Amino acid sequence: QEPMGSGVNKVGIMGASGYTGAELLRLCAMHPKFDVVWAGGESHAGDQIADLYPSLAAAYPERIYETYMPQNLDGLDIVFLALPHGISQHHVPEIYNRVGHIVDLSSDFRLHEQDLYPQWYGAVHDCPELLDKFVYGLPELFRSEIIGAELIALITENCFDDLDGPPVRLSSQDIPTPYNGKLENLTICLLYT
């Protein structure tokens, strides 16, 4: 598969009608090298993006949300998966050889060890053969691995939404990561209001 070129990249967004998908639409509209040519939104298939998100009307005046079919993504340079946790792992095998790059914003490919998924996410991973192919998308720690990667598992702002209560302090030993040792001296403080 080709690396992203110096020209404009054809982008698809699965889950484009949700909050994260709408943010991706907004960010892609401002990016000079991204052209969103496919926006998937099952519950809003056939609706115009501008009708659901008026703030995106100028960027996407005629674009509609489409139903997902793997062949709709053939040849795209990059596909963002803005899907609920547990869903991306069912779609990645279908599109893996059809697109240039996949960026998953769910938790589905953040860990390399399939044995950790039941502990951390409450279910067995359905696509363990692709776990070690994904790069953890935290550029502060893994910039060199991300550059040129075809498969990226991002960490998003809502990763810790399931936690409730007072501030939580985690040490690197508490955080599973596919890159053992990179988080040795890192402590994360999560504050909730």
C-alpha atoms as a PDB file:
ATOM      1  CA  GLN A   1       0.000   0.000   0.000  1.00  0.00           C
ATOM      2  CA  GLU A   2       1.162   3.475  -0.841  1.00  0.00           C
ATOM      3  CA  PRO A   3       2.129   6.011   1.834  1.00  0.00           C
ATOM      4  CA  MET A   4      -0.051   9.091   1.959  1.00  0.00           C
ATOM      5  CA  GLY A   5       1.037  11.288  -0.902  1.00  0.00           C
ATOM      6  CA  SER A   6       1.912  14.928  -1.144  1.00  0.00           C
ATOM      7  CA  GLY A   7      -1.374  15.633  -2.954  1.00  0.00           C
ATOM      8  CA  VAL A   8      -4.892  15.578  -1.565  1.00  0.00           C
ATOM      9  CA  ASN A   9      -5.842  12.327   0.175  1.00  0.00           C
ATOM     10  CA  LYS A  10      -9.274  10.751  -0.297  1.00  0.00           C
ATOM     11  CA  VAL A  11     -10.791  10.236   3.156  1.00  0.00           C
ATOM     12  CA  GLY A  12     -13.647   8.109   4.440  1.00  0.00           C
ATOM     13  CA  ILE A  13     -15.187   8.342   7.905  1.00  0.00           C
ATOM     14  CA  MET A  14     -17.179   5.467   9.368  1.00  0.00           C
ATOM     15  CA  GLY A  15     -19.455   6.730  12.118  1.00  0.00           C
ATOM     16  CA  ALA A  16     -19.429  10.266  10.709  1.00  0.00           C
ATOM     17  CA  SER A  17     -22.844  11.131  12.160  1.00  0.00           C
ATOM     18  CA  GLY A  18     -21.745  10.736  15.791  1.00  0.00           C
ATOM     19  CA  TYR A  19     -19.921  13.265  17.949  1.00  0.00           C
ATOM     20  CA  THR A  20     -16.410  12.031  17.145  1.00  0.00           C
ATOM     21  CA  GLY A  21     -17.287  11.614  13.468  1.00  0.00           C
ATOM     22  CA  ALA A  22     -18.580  15.182  13.308  1.00  0.00           C
ATOM     23  CA  GLU A  23     -15.342  16.425  14.859  1.00  0.00           C
ATOM     24  CA  LEU A  24     -13.398  14.467  12.252  1.00  0.00           C
ATOM     25  CA  LEU A  25     -15.525  16.043   9.503  1.00  0.00           C
ATOM     26  CA  ARG A  26     -14.742  19.476  10.944  1.00  0.00           C
ATOM     27  CA  LEU A  27     -11.004  18.789  11.223  1.00  0.00           C
ATOM     28  CA  CYS A  28     -10.790  17.251   7.741  1.00  0.00           C
ATOM     29  CA  ALA A  29     -12.613  20.258   6.252  1.00  0.00           C
ATOM     30  CA  MET A  30      -9.843  22.496   7.578  1.00  0.00           C
ATOM     31  CA  HIS A  31      -7.012  20.201   6.460  1.00  0.00           C
ATOM     32  CA  PRO A  32      -5.559  21.157   3.064  1.00  0.00           C
ATOM     33  CA  LYS A  33      -4.605  17.559   2.203  1.00  0.00           C
ATOM     34  CA  PHE A  34      -7.821  15.770   3.230  1.00  0.00           C
ATOM     35  CA  ASP A  35     -10.905  15.483   1.041  1.00  0.00           C
ATOM     36  CA  VAL A  36     -13.794  13.588   2.633  1.00  0.00           C
ATOM     37  CA  VAL A  37     -15.300  11.591  -0.223  1.00  0.00           C
ATOM     38  CA  TRP A  38     -17.313   9.131   1.887  1.00  0.00           C
ATOM     39  CA  ALA A  39     -19.140   9.683   5.189  1.00  0.00           C
ATOM     40  CA  GLY A  40     -20.843   6.690   6.764  1.00  0.00           C
ATOM     41  CA  GLY A  41     -23.688   7.029   9.198  1.00  0.00           C
ATOM     42  CA  GLU A  42     -26.052   4.075   9.367  1.00  0.00           C
ATOM     43  CA  SER A  43     -28.762   5.767  11.438  1.00  0.00           C
ATOM     44  CA  HIS A  44     -28.666   8.859   9.193  1.00  0.00           C
ATOM     45  CA  ALA A  45     -28.082   7.203   5.802  1.00  0.00           C
ATOM     46  CA  GLY A  46     -29.500   9.461   3.095  1.00  0.00           C
ATOM     47  CA  ASP A  47     -29.491  12.577   5.297  1.00  0.00           C
ATOM     48  CA  GLN A  48     -27.296  15.528   4.419  1.00  0.00           C
ATOM     49  CA  ILE A  49     -24.440  16.297   6.768  1.00  0.00           C
ATOM     50  CA  ALA A  50     -25.516  19.949   6.747  1.00  0.00           C
ATOM     51  CA  ASP A  51     -28.979  19.032   8.054  1.00  0.00           C
ATOM     52  CA  LEU A  52     -27.588  17.179  11.071  1.00  0.00           C
ATOM     53  CA  TYR A  53     -24.687  19.580  11.668  1.00  0.00           C
ATOM     54  CA  PRO A  54     -25.479  23.066  10.291  1.00  0.00           C
ATOM     55  CA  SER A  55     -22.021  24.254  11.324  1.00  0.00           C
ATOM     56  CA  LEU A  56     -20.600  21.927   8.631  1.00  0.00           C
ATOM     57  CA  ALA A  57     -22.893  23.190   5.845  1.00  0.00           C
ATOM     58  CA  ALA A  58     -20.218  25.339   4.196  1.00  0.00           C
ATOM     59  CA  ALA A  59     -17.733  22.457   4.074  1.00  0.00           C
ATOM     60  CA  TYR A  60     -20.211  19.747   3.039  1.00  0.00           C
ATOM     61  CA  PRO A  61     -23.192  21.442   1.340  1.00  0.00           C
ATOM     62  CA  GLU A  62     -24.253  18.366  -0.675  1.00  0.00           C
ATOM     63  CA  ARG A  63     -22.557  15.414   1.035  1.00  0.00           C
ATOM     64  CA  ILE A  64     -24.906  12.808   2.483  1.00  0.00           C
ATOM     65  CA  TYR A  65     -24.369  10.063   5.028  1.00  0.00           C
ATOM     66  CA  GLU A  66     -24.105   6.688   3.341  1.00  0.00           C
ATOM     67  CA  THR A  67     -24.700   3.094   4.361  1.00  0.00           C
ATOM     68  CA  TYR A  68     -21.550   1.056   4.906  1.00  0.00           C
ATOM     69  CA  MET A  69     -20.531  -1.502   2.314  1.00  0.00           C
ATOM     70  CA  PRO A  70     -16.831  -2.489   2.173  1.00  0.00           C
ATOM     71  CA  GLN A  71     -16.594  -1.785  -1.564  1.00  0.00           C
ATOM     72  CA  ASN A  72     -17.608   1.850  -0.939  1.00  0.00           C
ATOM     73  CA  LEU A  73     -14.183   2.364   0.601  1.00  0.00           C
ATOM     74  CA  ASP A  74     -12.117   0.819  -2.207  1.00  0.00           C
ATOM     75  CA  GLY A  75      -9.079   2.914  -3.031  1.00  0.00           C
ATOM     76  CA  LEU A  76      -9.462   5.517  -0.283  1.00  0.00           C
ATOM     77  CA  ASP A  77      -6.191   6.811   1.097  1.00  0.00           C
ATOM     78  CA  ILE A  78      -7.330   6.885   4.714  1.00  0.00           C
ATOM     79  CA  VAL A  79     -10.388   5.698   6.619  1.00  0.00           C
ATOM     80  CA  PHE A  80     -11.186   6.915  10.118  1.00  0.00           C
ATOM     81  CA  LEU A  81     -13.274   4.590  12.286  1.00  0.00           C
ATOM     82  CA  ALA A  82     -15.304   6.719  14.692  1.00  0.00           C
ATOM     83  CA  LEU A  83     -17.365   3.784  15.880  1.00  0.00           C
ATOM     84  CA  PRO A  84     -18.467   2.574  19.305  1.00  0.00           C
ATOM     85  CA  HIS A  85     -16.055   0.281  21.130  1.00  0.00           C
ATOM     86  CA  GLY A  86     -16.284  -3.306  19.934  1.00  0.00           C
ATOM     87  CA  ILE A  87     -17.493  -2.472  16.404  1.00  0.00           C
ATOM     88  CA  SER A  88     -14.279  -1.571  14.560  1.00  0.00           C
ATOM     89  CA  GLN A  89     -12.823  -5.050  15.016  1.00  0.00           C
ATOM     90  CA  HIS A  90     -15.634  -6.415  12.817  1.00  0.00           C
ATOM     91  CA  HIS A  91     -14.985  -3.948   9.980  1.00  0.00           C
ATOM     92  CA  VAL A  92     -11.186  -3.748   9.866  1.00  0.00           C
ATOM     93  CA  PRO A  93     -10.727  -7.226   8.316  1.00  0.00           C
ATOM     94  CA  GLU A  94     -13.214  -6.263   5.565  1.00  0.00           C
ATOM     95  CA  ILE A  95     -11.430  -3.039   4.596  1.00  0.00           C
ATOM     96  CA  TYR A  96      -7.814  -3.793   5.540  1.00  0.00           C
ATOM     97  CA  ASN A  97      -6.708  -4.569   1.969  1.00  0.00           C
ATOM     98  CA  ARG A  98      -9.047  -2.040   0.326  1.00  0.00           C
ATOM     99  CA  VAL A  99      -7.675   1.232   1.751  1.00  0.00           C
ATOM    100  CA  GLY A 100      -4.278   2.806   2.307  1.00  0.00           C
ATOM    101  CA  HIS A 101      -4.487   3.630   6.014  1.00  0.00           C
ATOM    102  CA  ILE A 102      -6.917   2.940   8.850  1.00  0.00           C
ATOM    103  CA  VAL A 103      -7.153   5.080  11.979  1.00  0.00           C
ATOM    104  CA  ASP A 104      -9.352   3.559  14.685  1.00  0.00           C
ATOM    105  CA  LEU A 105     -10.647   5.861  17.405  1.00  0.00           C
ATOM    106  CA  SER A 106     -12.235   3.118  19.503  1.00  0.00           C
ATOM    107  CA  SER A 107     -10.442   0.868  21.973  1.00  0.00           C
ATOM    108  CA  ASP A 108     -10.523  -2.112  19.634  1.00  0.00           C
ATOM    109  CA  PHE A 109      -6.861  -2.153  18.605  1.00  0.00           C
ATOM    110  CA  ARG A 110      -5.054  -0.315  21.404  1.00  0.00           C
ATOM    111  CA  LEU A 111      -3.589  -3.416  23.024  1.00  0.00           C
ATOM    112  CA  HIS A 112      -1.428  -6.061  21.383  1.00  0.00           C
ATOM    113  CA  GLU A 113      -2.185  -8.836  23.891  1.00  0.00           C
ATOM    114  CA  GLN A 114      -5.553 -10.420  23.153  1.00  0.00           C
ATOM    115  CA  ASP A 115      -5.678 -11.860  26.696  1.00  0.00           C
ATOM    116  CA  LEU A 116      -6.026  -8.332  28.112  1.00  0.00           C
ATOM    117  CA  TYR A 117      -9.248  -7.485  26.238  1.00  0.00           C
ATOM    118  CA  PRO A 118     -11.628  -9.394  28.532  1.00  0.00           C
ATOM    119  CA  GLN A 119      -9.996  -7.795  31.573  1.00  0.00           C
ATOM    120  CA  TRP A 120     -10.025  -4.212  30.242  1.00  0.00           C
ATOM    121  CA  TYR A 121     -12.955  -4.197  27.825  1.00  0.00           C
ATOM    122  CA  GLY A 122     -15.167  -7.035  29.027  1.00  0.00           C
ATOM    123  CA  ALA A 123     -15.085  -9.125  25.848  1.00  0.00           C
ATOM    124  CA  VAL A 124     -12.825 -11.382  23.811  1.00  0.00           C
ATOM    125  CA  HIS A 125     -11.279  -9.710  20.759  1.00  0.00           C
ATOM    126  CA  ASP A 126     -12.723 -11.035  17.477  1.00  0.00           C
ATOM    127  CA  CYS A 127      -9.753 -10.098  15.295  1.00  0.00           C
ATOM    128  CA  PRO A 128      -6.596 -10.980  17.279  1.00  0.00           C
ATOM    129  CA  GLU A 129      -4.535 -11.603  14.140  1.00  0.00           C
ATOM    130  CA  LEU A 130      -4.424  -7.840  13.456  1.00  0.00           C
ATOM    131  CA  LEU A 131      -3.682  -6.600  16.996  1.00  0.00           C
ATOM    132  CA  ASP A 132       0.096  -6.495  16.614  1.00  0.00           C
ATOM    133  CA  LYS A 133      -0.146  -4.687  13.261  1.00  0.00           C
ATOM    134  CA  PHE A 134      -1.644  -1.549  14.839  1.00  0.00           C
ATOM    135  CA  VAL A 135       0.567   1.258  16.104  1.00  0.00           C
ATOM    136  CA  TYR A 136      -0.472   3.053  19.282  1.00  0.00           C
ATOM    137  CA  GLY A 137      -1.313   6.600  18.194  1.00  0.00           C
ATOM    138  CA  LEU A 138       0.192   8.599  21.026  1.00  0.00           C
ATOM    139  CA  PRO A 139       2.718  10.832  19.206  1.00  0.00           C
ATOM    140  CA  GLU A 140       4.355  12.097  22.376  1.00  0.00           C
ATOM    141  CA  LEU A 141       5.687   8.575  22.924  1.00  0.00           C
ATOM    142  CA  PHE A 142       5.428   6.761  19.576  1.00  0.00           C
ATOM    143  CA  ARG A 143       6.031   9.376  16.878  1.00  0.00           C
ATOM    144  CA  SER A 144       8.569   7.289  14.953  1.00  0.00           C
ATOM    145  CA  GLU A 145       6.228   4.263  14.884  1.00  0.00           C
ATOM    146  CA  ILE A 146       3.283   6.370  13.686  1.00  0.00           C
ATOM    147  CA  ILE A 147       5.113   7.896  10.721  1.00  0.00           C
ATOM    148  CA  GLY A 148       4.213   5.780   7.709  1.00  0.00           C
ATOM    149  CA  ALA A 149       2.032   3.364   9.687  1.00  0.00           C
ATOM    150  CA  GLU A 150      -0.906   1.853   7.830  1.00  0.00           C
ATOM    151  CA  LEU A 151      -2.891   0.949  10.942  1.00  0.00           C
ATOM    152  CA  ILE A 152      -3.142   3.356  13.885  1.00  0.00           C
ATOM    153  CA  ALA A 153      -5.092   2.944  17.123  1.00  0.00           C
ATOM    154  CA  LEU A 154      -5.705   6.387  18.565  1.00  0.00           C
ATOM    155  CA  ILE A 155      -6.254   7.391  22.115  1.00  0.00           C
ATOM    156  CA  THR A 156      -9.143   9.861  22.239  1.00  0.00           C
ATOM    157  CA  GLU A 157     -10.395  12.404  24.721  1.00  0.00           C
ATOM    158  CA  ASN A 158     -13.126  10.076  25.962  1.00  0.00           C
ATOM    159  CA  CYS A 159     -10.925   7.059  26.704  1.00  0.00           C
ATOM    160  CA  PHE A 160     -11.565   7.277  30.404  1.00  0.00           C
ATOM    161  CA  ASP A 161     -15.261   8.255  30.354  1.00  0.00           C
ATOM    162  CA  ASP A 162     -16.177   5.026  32.127  1.00  0.00           C
ATOM    163  CA  LEU A 163     -14.421   6.134  35.298  1.00  0.00           C
ATOM    164  CA  ASP A 164     -16.512   7.828  37.936  1.00  0.00           C
ATOM    165  CA  GLY A 165     -15.673   9.581  41.154  1.00  0.00           C
ATOM    166  CA  PRO A 166     -12.717  11.521  42.527  1.00  0.00           C
ATOM    167  CA  PRO A 167      -9.444  12.151  40.691  1.00  0.00           C
ATOM    168  CA  VAL A 168      -7.655   8.943  39.823  1.00  0.00           C
ATOM    169  CA  ARG A 169      -3.914   8.553  39.851  1.00  0.00           C
ATOM    170  CA  LEU A 170      -2.510   5.763  37.710  1.00  0.00           C
ATOM    171  CA  SER A 171       1.061   4.587  37.498  1.00  0.00           C
ATOM    172  CA  SER A 172       2.575   3.122  34.347  1.00  0.00           C
ATOM    173  CA  GLN A 173       2.098  -0.361  35.829  1.00  0.00           C
ATOM    174  CA  ASP A 174      -1.691   0.220  35.845  1.00  0.00           C
ATOM    175  CA  ILE A 175      -1.904   1.080  32.153  1.00  0.00           C
ATOM    176  CA  PRO A 176      -1.736  -1.713  29.587  1.00  0.00           C
ATOM    177  CA  THR A 177       0.275  -0.726  26.544  1.00  0.00           C
ATOM    178  CA  PRO A 178       1.503  -2.545  23.469  1.00  0.00           C
ATOM    179  CA  TYR A 179       4.899  -0.915  23.989  1.00  0.00           C
ATOM    180  CA  ASN A 180       6.230  -2.165  27.297  1.00  0.00           C
ATOM    181  CA  GLY A 181       8.776   0.112  28.879  1.00  0.00           C
ATOM    182  CA  LYS A 182       7.817   3.353  27.119  1.00  0.00           C
ATOM    183  CA  LEU A 183       5.597   4.393  30.028  1.00  0.00           C
ATOM    184  CA  GLU A 184       8.058   3.573  32.802  1.00  0.00           C
ATOM    185  CA  ASN A 185       8.227   6.981  34.427  1.00  0.00           C
ATOM    186  CA  LEU A 186       4.857   8.316  33.367  1.00  0.00           C
ATOM    187  CA  THR A 187       2.132   9.102  35.850  1.00  0.00           C
ATOM    188  CA  ILE A 188      -1.273  10.226  34.633  1.00  0.00           C
ATOM    189  CA  CYS A 189      -3.648  12.214  36.776  1.00  0.00           C
ATOM    190  CA  LEU A 190      -7.259  12.159  35.599  1.00  0.00           C
ATOM    191  CA  LEU A 191      -9.506  14.865  37.004  1.00  0.00           C
ATOM    192  CA  TYR A 192     -13.287  14.676  36.840  1.00  0.00           C
ATOM    193  CA  THR A 193     -15.756  17.447  37.548  1.00  0.00           C
END
